[in-house]
Amino acid sequence: MSAPSEIQVVEFGLGDEVFAVPVTLVREILDYSQPFHVPNGPAYFVGLTDVRGEGVPTVDLRIRLGLAPAQPTLATRILILDMALPDRTLSLGVVIDRVLGVTTMQTAQIEKAPDIGVRWKSDYITGVVRREYGFVVIVDVASIFSTDESQMISSAARAA
């Protein structure tokens, strides 16, 4: 079976940067509402978001990627992602500044992640795509949250 020639992604903004995640990971996109605070989590863990009766651990992606925190606006959204980990599927809410849209990217256009010259660790980057307005960074969300971190977030959510 050959690799697909294109992928669909949800493009979103964090400050001036444009990121994307594969649409297959996105269960839904919610308007922002303040997550229920859970104490003693990592700084980027903002609490639990109620998704039809399920408490979904929610993180601020800006903080996790080392960008400056920002106050929520009317455009702020929470992406509900379902990520396959080696031992389970992790549902995670990810706070982003704004959704830009669902687009299709040709896999041939995806360049390797740069090793230097970016403000975040390149291990989190699947690749980049050039656009007329700059670059879109495709994020490997599962690698942003190591197994230890996902265990800690899940434990904090269960303790709530």
N, C-alpha and C. Protein backbone atom coordinates (compact mmCIF):
# COMPACT_ATOMS: atom_id res chain seq x y z
N MET A 1 0.85 -1.18 0.00
CA MET A 1 0.00 0.00 0.00
C MET A 1 0.89 1.24 0.00
N SER A 2 0.67 2.16 -0.90
CA SER A 2 1.51 3.35 -0.99
C SER A 2 1.02 4.43 -0.03
N ALA A 3 1.93 5.34 0.31
CA ALA A 3 1.60 6.44 1.20
C ALA A 3 0.63 7.39 0.50
N PRO A 4 -0.27 8.00 1.27
CA PRO A 4 -1.21 8.93 0.64
C PRO A 4 -0.47 10.13 0.04
N SER A 5 -1.00 10.67 -1.04
CA SER A 5 -0.34 11.80 -1.69
C SER A 5 -0.77 13.14 -1.08
N GLU A 6 -1.77 13.10 -0.20
CA GLU A 6 -2.20 14.32 0.46
C GLU A 6 -2.78 14.00 1.83
N ILE A 7 -2.77 15.01 2.70
CA ILE A 7 -3.40 14.85 4.01
C ILE A 7 -4.27 16.07 4.27
N GLN A 8 -5.32 15.84 5.02
CA GLN A 8 -6.16 16.96 5.45
C GLN A 8 -5.74 17.35 6.85
N VAL A 9 -5.65 18.67 7.09
CA VAL A 9 -5.22 19.18 8.38
C VAL A 9 -6.16 20.30 8.83
N VAL A 10 -6.19 20.50 10.14
CA VAL A 10 -6.83 21.67 10.72
C VAL A 10 -5.71 22.66 10.98
N GLU A 11 -5.78 23.82 10.32
CA GLU A 11 -4.78 24.86 10.53
C GLU A 11 -5.29 25.80 11.62
N PHE A 12 -4.37 26.19 12.51
CA PHE A 12 -4.75 27.09 13.59
C PHE A 12 -3.61 28.04 13.91
N GLY A 13 -3.96 29.14 14.56
CA GLY A 13 -2.96 30.14 14.89
C GLY A 13 -2.68 30.20 16.37
N LEU A 14 -1.40 30.40 16.68
CA LEU A 14 -0.93 30.73 18.03
C LEU A 14 -0.08 31.98 17.84
N GLY A 15 -0.61 33.12 18.24
CA GLY A 15 0.09 34.38 17.96
C GLY A 15 0.20 34.56 16.46
N ASP A 16 1.42 34.87 16.00
CA ASP A 16 1.65 35.07 14.56
C ASP A 16 1.98 33.78 13.84
N GLU A 17 2.14 32.70 14.58
CA GLU A 17 2.54 31.42 13.99
C GLU A 17 1.32 30.64 13.51
N VAL A 18 1.50 29.84 12.45
CA VAL A 18 0.44 28.99 11.93
C VAL A 18 0.88 27.54 12.09
N PHE A 19 0.02 26.75 12.70
CA PHE A 19 0.28 25.34 12.96
C PHE A 19 -0.82 24.50 12.33
N ALA A 20 -0.61 23.20 12.29
CA ALA A 20 -1.63 22.30 11.76
C ALA A 20 -1.51 20.95 12.45
N VAL A 21 -2.65 20.26 12.57
CA VAL A 21 -2.68 18.88 13.03
C VAL A 21 -3.55 18.10 12.05
N PRO A 22 -3.25 16.82 11.85
CA PRO A 22 -4.08 16.02 10.95
C PRO A 22 -5.54 16.02 11.41
N VAL A 23 -6.44 16.17 10.48
CA VAL A 23 -7.87 16.22 10.80
C VAL A 23 -8.33 14.92 11.45
N THR A 24 -7.62 13.81 11.19
CA THR A 24 -8.00 12.52 11.77
C THR A 24 -7.87 12.51 13.29
N LEU A 25 -7.08 13.42 13.86
CA LEU A 25 -6.93 13.50 15.32
C LEU A 25 -8.02 14.34 15.99
N VAL A 26 -8.68 15.20 15.22
CA VAL A 26 -9.60 16.18 15.78
C VAL A 26 -11.01 15.58 15.87
N ARG A 27 -11.44 15.38 17.11
CA ARG A 27 -12.81 14.90 17.33
C ARG A 27 -13.80 16.04 17.13
N GLU A 28 -13.49 17.20 17.71
CA GLU A 28 -14.36 18.36 17.54
C GLU A 28 -13.62 19.63 17.93
N ILE A 29 -14.23 20.76 17.58
CA ILE A 29 -13.70 22.08 17.89
C ILE A 29 -14.75 22.80 18.71
N LEU A 30 -14.36 23.22 19.92
CA LEU A 30 -15.31 23.87 20.83
C LEU A 30 -14.99 25.35 20.98
N ASP A 31 -16.04 26.16 21.19
CA ASP A 31 -15.82 27.53 21.61
C ASP A 31 -15.12 27.47 22.96
N TYR A 32 -14.31 28.45 23.26
CA TYR A 32 -13.57 28.44 24.52
C TYR A 32 -14.50 28.71 25.69
N SER A 33 -14.36 27.91 26.72
CA SER A 33 -14.92 28.22 28.03
C SER A 33 -13.87 27.81 29.04
N GLN A 34 -13.81 28.53 30.14
CA GLN A 34 -12.77 28.30 31.14
C GLN A 34 -12.83 26.86 31.64
N PRO A 35 -11.74 26.10 31.48
CA PRO A 35 -11.73 24.73 32.01
C PRO A 35 -11.82 24.73 33.54
N PHE A 36 -12.34 23.64 34.10
CA PHE A 36 -12.41 23.45 35.54
C PHE A 36 -10.99 23.25 36.06
N HIS A 37 -10.58 24.10 36.97
CA HIS A 37 -9.19 24.07 37.46
C HIS A 37 -8.92 22.82 38.29
N VAL A 38 -7.78 22.20 38.03
CA VAL A 38 -7.30 21.06 38.82
C VAL A 38 -5.94 21.47 39.35
N PRO A 39 -5.77 21.52 40.69
CA PRO A 39 -4.49 21.97 41.25
C PRO A 39 -3.35 20.99 41.04
N ASN A 40 -2.13 21.51 41.15
CA ASN A 40 -0.89 20.73 41.15
C ASN A 40 -0.53 20.08 39.82
N GLY A 41 -1.07 20.56 38.72
CA GLY A 41 -0.67 20.05 37.41
C GLY A 41 0.48 20.88 36.87
N PRO A 42 1.07 20.46 35.75
CA PRO A 42 2.10 21.29 35.12
C PRO A 42 1.51 22.63 34.67
N ALA A 43 2.35 23.63 34.47
CA ALA A 43 1.89 24.99 34.15
C ALA A 43 0.98 25.04 32.92
N TYR A 44 1.23 24.19 31.94
CA TYR A 44 0.43 24.22 30.71
C TYR A 44 -0.90 23.47 30.84
N PHE A 45 -1.09 22.72 31.93
CA PHE A 45 -2.34 21.98 32.16
C PHE A 45 -3.34 22.94 32.79
N VAL A 46 -4.38 23.32 32.04
CA VAL A 46 -5.30 24.34 32.51
C VAL A 46 -6.54 23.76 33.20
N GLY A 47 -6.74 22.44 33.13
CA GLY A 47 -7.87 21.84 33.84
C GLY A 47 -8.64 20.87 32.98
N LEU A 48 -9.93 20.71 33.32
CA LEU A 48 -10.80 19.78 32.62
C LEU A 48 -11.88 20.53 31.86
N THR A 49 -12.16 20.08 30.65
CA THR A 49 -13.25 20.62 29.84
C THR A 49 -14.35 19.56 29.78
N ASP A 50 -15.58 19.98 30.03
CA ASP A 50 -16.71 19.06 29.97
C ASP A 50 -17.13 18.88 28.51
N VAL A 51 -16.98 17.65 28.03
CA VAL A 51 -17.40 17.32 26.67
C VAL A 51 -18.48 16.25 26.80
N ARG A 52 -19.72 16.70 26.80
CA ARG A 52 -20.89 15.82 26.94
C ARG A 52 -20.74 14.84 28.11
N GLY A 53 -20.41 15.39 29.27
CA GLY A 53 -20.33 14.58 30.48
C GLY A 53 -18.98 13.94 30.73
N GLU A 54 -18.02 14.06 29.80
CA GLU A 54 -16.68 13.50 29.98
C GLU A 54 -15.73 14.65 30.33
N GLY A 55 -14.97 14.48 31.41
CA GLY A 55 -13.96 15.48 31.77
C GLY A 55 -12.70 15.24 30.96
N VAL A 56 -12.43 16.11 30.01
CA VAL A 56 -11.27 15.96 29.12
C VAL A 56 -10.14 16.86 29.61
N PRO A 57 -8.96 16.28 29.93
CA PRO A 57 -7.81 17.10 30.33
C PRO A 57 -7.51 18.11 29.23
N THR A 58 -7.25 19.36 29.65
CA THR A 58 -7.06 20.44 28.69
C THR A 58 -5.76 21.18 28.97
N VAL A 59 -5.01 21.44 27.90
CA VAL A 59 -3.71 22.10 28.01
C VAL A 59 -3.69 23.36 27.15
N ASP A 60 -2.86 24.30 27.55
CA ASP A 60 -2.64 25.51 26.77
C ASP A 60 -1.44 25.25 25.87
N LEU A 61 -1.67 25.11 24.58
CA LEU A 61 -0.59 24.76 23.66
C LEU A 61 0.46 25.86 23.58
N ARG A 62 0.05 27.12 23.74
CA ARG A 62 1.02 28.22 23.72
C ARG A 62 2.08 28.00 24.79
N ILE A 63 1.62 27.72 26.01
CA ILE A 63 2.55 27.54 27.13
C ILE A 63 3.41 26.31 26.92
N ARG A 64 2.80 25.21 26.44
CA ARG A 64 3.55 23.97 26.24
C ARG A 64 4.66 24.12 25.20
N LEU A 65 4.42 24.97 24.20
CA LEU A 65 5.41 25.18 23.15
C LEU A 65 6.39 26.30 23.50
N GLY A 66 6.25 26.89 24.69
CA GLY A 66 7.18 27.92 25.11
C GLY A 66 6.85 29.31 24.59
N LEU A 67 5.65 29.50 24.06
CA LEU A 67 5.22 30.82 23.61
C LEU A 67 4.62 31.56 24.81
N ALA A 68 4.54 32.87 24.72
CA ALA A 68 3.98 33.67 25.82
C ALA A 68 2.49 33.36 25.99
N PRO A 69 2.02 33.29 27.23
CA PRO A 69 0.59 33.07 27.46
C PRO A 69 -0.22 34.24 26.90
N ALA A 70 -1.49 33.98 26.59
CA ALA A 70 -2.36 35.03 26.07
C ALA A 70 -3.74 34.88 26.71
N GLN A 71 -4.42 35.99 26.87
CA GLN A 71 -5.78 35.95 27.38
C GLN A 71 -6.71 35.43 26.29
N PRO A 72 -7.71 34.60 26.65
CA PRO A 72 -8.66 34.12 25.66
C PRO A 72 -9.44 35.27 25.03
N THR A 73 -9.77 35.10 23.75
CA THR A 73 -10.58 36.08 23.02
C THR A 73 -11.81 35.36 22.48
N LEU A 74 -12.63 36.07 21.74
CA LEU A 74 -13.80 35.44 21.12
C LEU A 74 -13.39 34.40 20.08
N ALA A 75 -12.17 34.50 19.54
CA ALA A 75 -11.69 33.55 18.54
C ALA A 75 -11.04 32.31 19.15
N THR A 76 -10.73 32.33 20.46
CA THR A 76 -10.06 31.21 21.12
C THR A 76 -10.94 29.97 21.04
N ARG A 77 -10.31 28.85 20.76
CA ARG A 77 -11.03 27.57 20.64
C ARG A 77 -10.30 26.50 21.43
N ILE A 78 -11.02 25.40 21.68
CA ILE A 78 -10.42 24.20 22.26
C ILE A 78 -10.60 23.08 21.26
N LEU A 79 -9.48 22.54 20.75
CA LEU A 79 -9.53 21.37 19.88
C LEU A 79 -9.59 20.14 20.78
N ILE A 80 -10.56 19.28 20.56
CA ILE A 80 -10.62 18.01 21.28
C ILE A 80 -9.97 16.98 20.37
N LEU A 81 -8.80 16.48 20.82
CA LEU A 81 -8.02 15.54 20.03
C LEU A 81 -8.08 14.15 20.64
N ASP A 82 -8.13 13.14 19.82
CA ASP A 82 -8.02 11.74 20.25
C ASP A 82 -6.72 11.20 19.67
N MET A 83 -5.74 10.97 20.57
CA MET A 83 -4.41 10.55 20.13
C MET A 83 -4.14 9.13 20.57
N ALA A 84 -3.66 8.33 19.63
CA ALA A 84 -3.30 6.95 19.94
C ALA A 84 -1.92 6.93 20.60
N LEU A 85 -1.87 6.44 21.83
CA LEU A 85 -0.61 6.23 22.53
C LEU A 85 -0.35 4.73 22.53
N PRO A 86 0.86 4.30 22.88
CA PRO A 86 1.16 2.86 22.83
C PRO A 86 0.18 2.00 23.64
N ASP A 87 -0.30 2.54 24.78
CA ASP A 87 -1.13 1.72 25.65
C ASP A 87 -2.61 2.11 25.71
N ARG A 88 -2.99 3.22 25.05
CA ARG A 88 -4.39 3.68 25.12
C ARG A 88 -4.60 4.84 24.15
N THR A 89 -5.85 5.29 24.07
CA THR A 89 -6.17 6.50 23.33
C THR A 89 -6.35 7.61 24.35
N LEU A 90 -5.64 8.71 24.17
CA LEU A 90 -5.73 9.86 25.07
C LEU A 90 -6.60 10.92 24.42
N SER A 91 -7.66 11.30 25.12
CA SER A 91 -8.47 12.45 24.69
C SER A 91 -7.90 13.66 25.39
N LEU A 92 -7.65 14.71 24.62
CA LEU A 92 -7.00 15.88 25.16
C LEU A 92 -7.60 17.13 24.54
N GLY A 93 -7.90 18.11 25.37
CA GLY A 93 -8.33 19.42 24.89
C GLY A 93 -7.11 20.30 24.73
N VAL A 94 -7.01 21.02 23.63
CA VAL A 94 -5.86 21.87 23.36
C VAL A 94 -6.38 23.28 23.08
N VAL A 95 -6.00 24.22 23.93
CA VAL A 95 -6.41 25.61 23.76
C VAL A 95 -5.53 26.26 22.70
N ILE A 96 -6.19 26.85 21.69
CA ILE A 96 -5.49 27.55 20.61
C ILE A 96 -6.09 28.94 20.44
N ASP A 97 -5.36 29.84 19.79
CA ASP A 97 -5.83 31.21 19.62
C ASP A 97 -7.00 31.31 18.64
N ARG A 98 -6.90 30.57 17.54
CA ARG A 98 -7.95 30.67 16.52
C ARG A 98 -7.81 29.53 15.52
N VAL A 99 -8.94 29.10 14.97
CA VAL A 99 -8.94 28.10 13.90
C VAL A 99 -8.93 28.86 12.58
N LEU A 100 -8.04 28.44 11.67
CA LEU A 100 -7.95 29.09 10.37
C LEU A 100 -8.71 28.32 9.30
N GLY A 101 -8.87 27.00 9.48
CA GLY A 101 -9.64 26.23 8.52
C GLY A 101 -9.11 24.83 8.35
N VAL A 102 -9.83 24.06 7.59
CA VAL A 102 -9.42 22.71 7.22
C VAL A 102 -8.90 22.79 5.79
N THR A 103 -7.66 22.32 5.59
CA THR A 103 -7.06 22.39 4.26
C THR A 103 -6.44 21.05 3.90
N THR A 104 -6.16 20.89 2.64
CA THR A 104 -5.49 19.71 2.13
C THR A 104 -4.07 20.08 1.75
N MET A 105 -3.12 19.27 2.20
CA MET A 105 -1.71 19.49 1.88
C MET A 105 -1.21 18.32 1.06
N GLN A 106 -0.44 18.62 0.02
CA GLN A 106 0.20 17.57 -0.76
C GLN A 106 1.40 17.07 0.05
N THR A 107 1.52 15.78 0.26
CA THR A 107 2.64 15.25 1.06
C THR A 107 3.99 15.61 0.43
N ALA A 108 4.04 15.77 -0.88
CA ALA A 108 5.29 16.14 -1.54
C ALA A 108 5.73 17.56 -1.16
N GLN A 109 4.81 18.40 -0.70
CA GLN A 109 5.14 19.77 -0.31
C GLN A 109 5.67 19.86 1.13
N ILE A 110 5.54 18.80 1.90
CA ILE A 110 5.94 18.83 3.31
C ILE A 110 7.45 18.68 3.40
N GLU A 111 8.09 19.71 3.96
CA GLU A 111 9.54 19.70 4.15
C GLU A 111 9.86 19.17 5.54
N LYS A 112 11.07 18.64 5.70
CA LYS A 112 11.51 18.16 7.01
C LYS A 112 11.53 19.30 8.01
N ALA A 113 11.37 18.94 9.27
CA ALA A 113 11.43 19.93 10.34
C ALA A 113 12.82 20.53 10.43
N PRO A 114 12.90 21.85 10.58
CA PRO A 114 14.21 22.48 10.73
C PRO A 114 14.81 22.14 12.09
N ASP A 115 16.14 22.05 12.14
CA ASP A 115 16.81 21.76 13.40
C ASP A 115 17.12 23.00 14.22
N ILE A 116 17.24 24.16 13.56
CA ILE A 116 17.57 25.40 14.26
C ILE A 116 16.74 26.54 13.70
N GLY A 117 16.78 27.67 14.41
CA GLY A 117 16.11 28.87 13.90
C GLY A 117 14.63 28.92 14.19
N VAL A 118 14.15 28.06 15.09
CA VAL A 118 12.75 28.11 15.48
C VAL A 118 12.67 28.24 16.99
N ARG A 119 11.52 28.67 17.50
CA ARG A 119 11.39 28.94 18.92
C ARG A 119 10.88 27.74 19.72
N TRP A 120 10.72 26.59 19.09
CA TRP A 120 10.25 25.41 19.79
C TRP A 120 11.13 24.24 19.39
N LYS A 121 11.10 23.20 20.22
CA LYS A 121 11.94 22.04 19.92
C LYS A 121 11.44 21.37 18.64
N SER A 122 12.35 21.02 17.78
CA SER A 122 11.95 20.47 16.48
C SER A 122 11.44 19.03 16.58
N ASP A 123 11.61 18.35 17.74
CA ASP A 123 11.06 16.99 17.87
C ASP A 123 9.53 17.01 17.76
N TYR A 124 8.92 18.12 18.05
CA TYR A 124 7.46 18.23 18.03
C TYR A 124 6.92 18.49 16.63
N ILE A 125 7.80 18.67 15.68
CA ILE A 125 7.38 19.09 14.34
C ILE A 125 7.49 17.92 13.36
N THR A 126 6.36 17.58 12.73
CA THR A 126 6.35 16.55 11.70
C THR A 126 6.97 17.09 10.42
N GLY A 127 6.68 18.35 10.13
CA GLY A 127 7.21 18.98 8.93
C GLY A 127 6.65 20.38 8.79
N VAL A 128 7.09 21.06 7.75
CA VAL A 128 6.60 22.40 7.46
C VAL A 128 6.19 22.49 5.99
N VAL A 129 5.21 23.34 5.74
CA VAL A 129 4.73 23.56 4.38
C VAL A 129 4.84 25.06 4.11
N ARG A 130 5.45 25.39 2.98
CA ARG A 130 5.56 26.80 2.58
C ARG A 130 4.22 27.26 2.02
N ARG A 131 3.83 28.44 2.44
CA ARG A 131 2.65 29.11 1.90
C ARG A 131 3.06 30.50 1.48
N GLU A 132 2.21 31.19 0.72
CA GLU A 132 2.56 32.53 0.27
C GLU A 132 2.74 33.49 1.44
N TYR A 133 2.12 33.22 2.58
CA TYR A 133 2.22 34.11 3.75
C TYR A 133 3.28 33.63 4.76
N GLY A 134 3.96 32.54 4.48
CA GLY A 134 4.96 32.04 5.42
C GLY A 134 4.91 30.52 5.48
N PHE A 135 5.13 29.98 6.66
CA PHE A 135 5.15 28.53 6.84
C PHE A 135 3.99 28.07 7.71
N VAL A 136 3.55 26.84 7.46
CA VAL A 136 2.61 26.15 8.33
C VAL A 136 3.40 25.01 8.95
N VAL A 137 3.42 24.97 10.27
CA VAL A 137 4.16 23.95 11.00
C VAL A 137 3.20 22.82 11.38
N ILE A 138 3.48 21.62 10.89
CA ILE A 138 2.64 20.46 11.22
C ILE A 138 3.17 19.88 12.53
N VAL A 139 2.30 19.88 13.54
CA VAL A 139 2.70 19.49 14.88
C VAL A 139 2.39 18.02 15.13
N ASP A 140 3.34 17.31 15.72
CA ASP A 140 3.13 15.94 16.18
C ASP A 140 2.69 16.05 17.64
N VAL A 141 1.38 16.18 17.85
CA VAL A 141 0.84 16.44 19.18
C VAL A 141 1.22 15.35 20.17
N ALA A 142 1.20 14.10 19.74
CA ALA A 142 1.52 13.00 20.65
C ALA A 142 2.93 13.12 21.19
N SER A 143 3.88 13.60 20.39
CA SER A 143 5.25 13.71 20.89
C SER A 143 5.45 14.94 21.78
N ILE A 144 4.55 15.91 21.69
CA ILE A 144 4.64 17.06 22.58
C ILE A 144 4.42 16.62 24.02
N PHE A 145 3.55 15.65 24.17
CA PHE A 145 3.24 15.15 25.50
C PHE A 145 3.82 13.76 25.61
N SER A 146 4.98 13.67 26.25
CA SER A 146 5.64 12.38 26.41
C SER A 146 4.75 11.45 27.21
N THR A 147 5.06 10.18 27.23
CA THR A 147 4.27 9.21 27.99
C THR A 147 4.20 9.61 29.45
N ASP A 148 5.31 10.07 30.03
CA ASP A 148 5.30 10.49 31.43
C ASP A 148 4.36 11.66 31.65
N GLU A 149 4.40 12.64 30.74
CA GLU A 149 3.54 13.80 30.88
C GLU A 149 2.08 13.42 30.71
N SER A 150 1.76 12.57 29.73
CA SER A 150 0.37 12.18 29.52
C SER A 150 -0.14 11.40 30.72
N GLN A 151 0.73 10.60 31.36
CA GLN A 151 0.34 9.88 32.57
C GLN A 151 0.02 10.88 33.68
N MET A 152 0.87 11.93 33.82
CA MET A 152 0.68 12.92 34.86
C MET A 152 -0.62 13.69 34.64
N ILE A 153 -0.88 14.08 33.38
CA ILE A 153 -2.12 14.81 33.07
C ILE A 153 -3.33 13.93 33.37
N SER A 154 -3.27 12.66 32.94
CA SER A 154 -4.38 11.75 33.20
C SER A 154 -4.59 11.55 34.70
N SER A 155 -3.50 11.44 35.46
CA SER A 155 -3.60 11.26 36.92
C SER A 155 -4.23 12.50 37.55
N ALA A 156 -3.81 13.68 37.13
CA ALA A 156 -4.38 14.91 37.68
C ALA A 156 -5.86 15.01 37.35
N ALA A 157 -6.24 14.59 36.15
CA ALA A 157 -7.65 14.62 35.74
C ALA A 157 -8.48 13.63 36.56
N ARG A 158 -7.92 12.44 36.82
CA ARG A 158 -8.65 11.44 37.61
C ARG A 158 -8.81 11.89 39.05
N ALA A 159 -7.84 12.65 39.58
CA ALA A 159 -7.89 13.10 40.97
C ALA A 159 -8.94 14.18 41.18
N ALA A 160 -9.39 14.82 40.10
CA ALA A 160 -10.33 15.94 40.22
C ALA A 160 -11.70 15.51 40.66
